[in-house]
Amino acid sequence: MGPIYQFKRLKSRNLLRGLGMGFAYALYIYTFYITSWRALFRLVCGRNGWSKTRRNTEHAPGVKVALDS
């Protein structure tokens, strides 16, 4: 994909850059596979909380902060 885009759209014959663009695109696409499987796993396991950072230093009387539900 990268070399074809490099030749057709950018009008360049730099094969090494085209191969680099192809590998970068493949890596970009594979990140979606990883995040999609992770999201499916979280849905199946019932882990749908939005807490991202545990705030252990905050002291709220009688309240637990940033819990995963």
Protein backbone atom coordinates (compact mmCIF):
# COMPACT_ATOMS: atom_id res chain seq x y z
CA MET A 1 0.00 0.00 0.00
CA GLY A 2 2.76 2.44 0.90
CA PRO A 3 4.80 2.15 -2.31
CA ILE A 4 1.67 2.46 -4.46
CA TYR A 5 0.57 5.60 -2.60
CA GLN A 6 4.10 6.96 -2.82
CA PHE A 7 4.23 6.52 -6.59
CA LYS A 8 0.64 7.44 -7.56
CA ARG A 9 -0.13 10.34 -5.22
CA LEU A 10 3.19 11.82 -4.16
CA LYS A 11 4.81 11.25 -7.59
CA SER A 12 7.97 9.98 -5.95
CA ARG A 13 9.99 6.85 -6.68
CA ASN A 14 11.62 6.59 -3.25
CA LEU A 15 11.01 2.91 -2.57
CA LEU A 16 12.43 2.93 0.95
CA ARG A 17 10.10 5.75 2.03
CA GLY A 18 7.17 3.96 0.41
CA LEU A 19 7.92 0.76 2.32
CA GLY A 20 8.24 2.76 5.54
CA MET A 21 4.85 4.35 4.92
CA GLY A 22 3.36 0.90 4.27
CA PHE A 23 4.72 -0.52 7.53
CA ALA A 24 3.58 2.56 9.45
CA TYR A 25 0.07 2.15 8.02
CA ALA A 26 0.01 -1.55 8.97
CA LEU A 27 1.08 -0.71 12.51
CA TYR A 28 -1.65 1.95 12.68
CA ILE A 29 -4.29 -0.58 11.60
CA TYR A 30 -3.10 -3.22 14.10
CA THR A 31 -3.61 -0.81 16.99
CA PHE A 32 -7.32 -0.91 16.18
CA TYR A 33 -7.29 -4.71 16.44
CA ILE A 34 -5.71 -4.50 19.89
CA THR A 35 -8.10 -1.86 21.19
CA SER A 36 -11.14 -3.60 19.71
CA TRP A 37 -10.35 -6.92 21.38
CA ARG A 38 -9.64 -5.13 24.66
CA ALA A 39 -12.98 -3.32 24.46
CA LEU A 40 -14.82 -6.57 23.75
CA PHE A 41 -13.09 -8.23 26.71
CA ARG A 42 -14.12 -5.35 28.98
CA LEU A 43 -17.73 -5.59 27.80
CA VAL A 44 -17.90 -9.35 28.32
CA CYS A 45 -16.36 -9.10 31.81
CA GLY A 46 -18.66 -6.25 32.81
CA ARG A 47 -15.84 -3.79 33.37
CA ASN A 48 -17.44 -0.63 32.05
CA GLY A 49 -16.28 1.97 34.57
CA TRP A 50 -14.75 5.25 33.47
CA SER A 51 -12.38 5.75 36.37
CA LYS A 52 -8.94 6.22 34.90
CA THR A 53 -6.83 7.43 37.78
CA ARG A 54 -7.11 6.27 41.34
CA ARG A 55 -6.87 9.27 43.59
CA ASN A 56 -5.54 7.65 46.73
CA THR A 57 -4.27 10.93 48.15
CA GLU A 58 -7.72 12.54 48.20
CA HIS A 59 -9.46 12.25 51.54
CA ALA A 60 -13.23 12.51 51.25
CA PRO A 61 -14.93 11.52 54.48
CA GLY A 62 -16.95 8.34 53.99
CA VAL A 63 -16.59 8.33 50.17
CA LYS A 64 -14.49 6.01 48.04
CA VAL A 65 -12.96 7.86 45.13
CA ALA A 66 -12.53 6.52 41.55
CA LEU A 67 -13.91 3.01 41.90
CA ASP A 68 -14.31 0.58 39.02
CA SER A 69 -17.89 -0.62 38.98
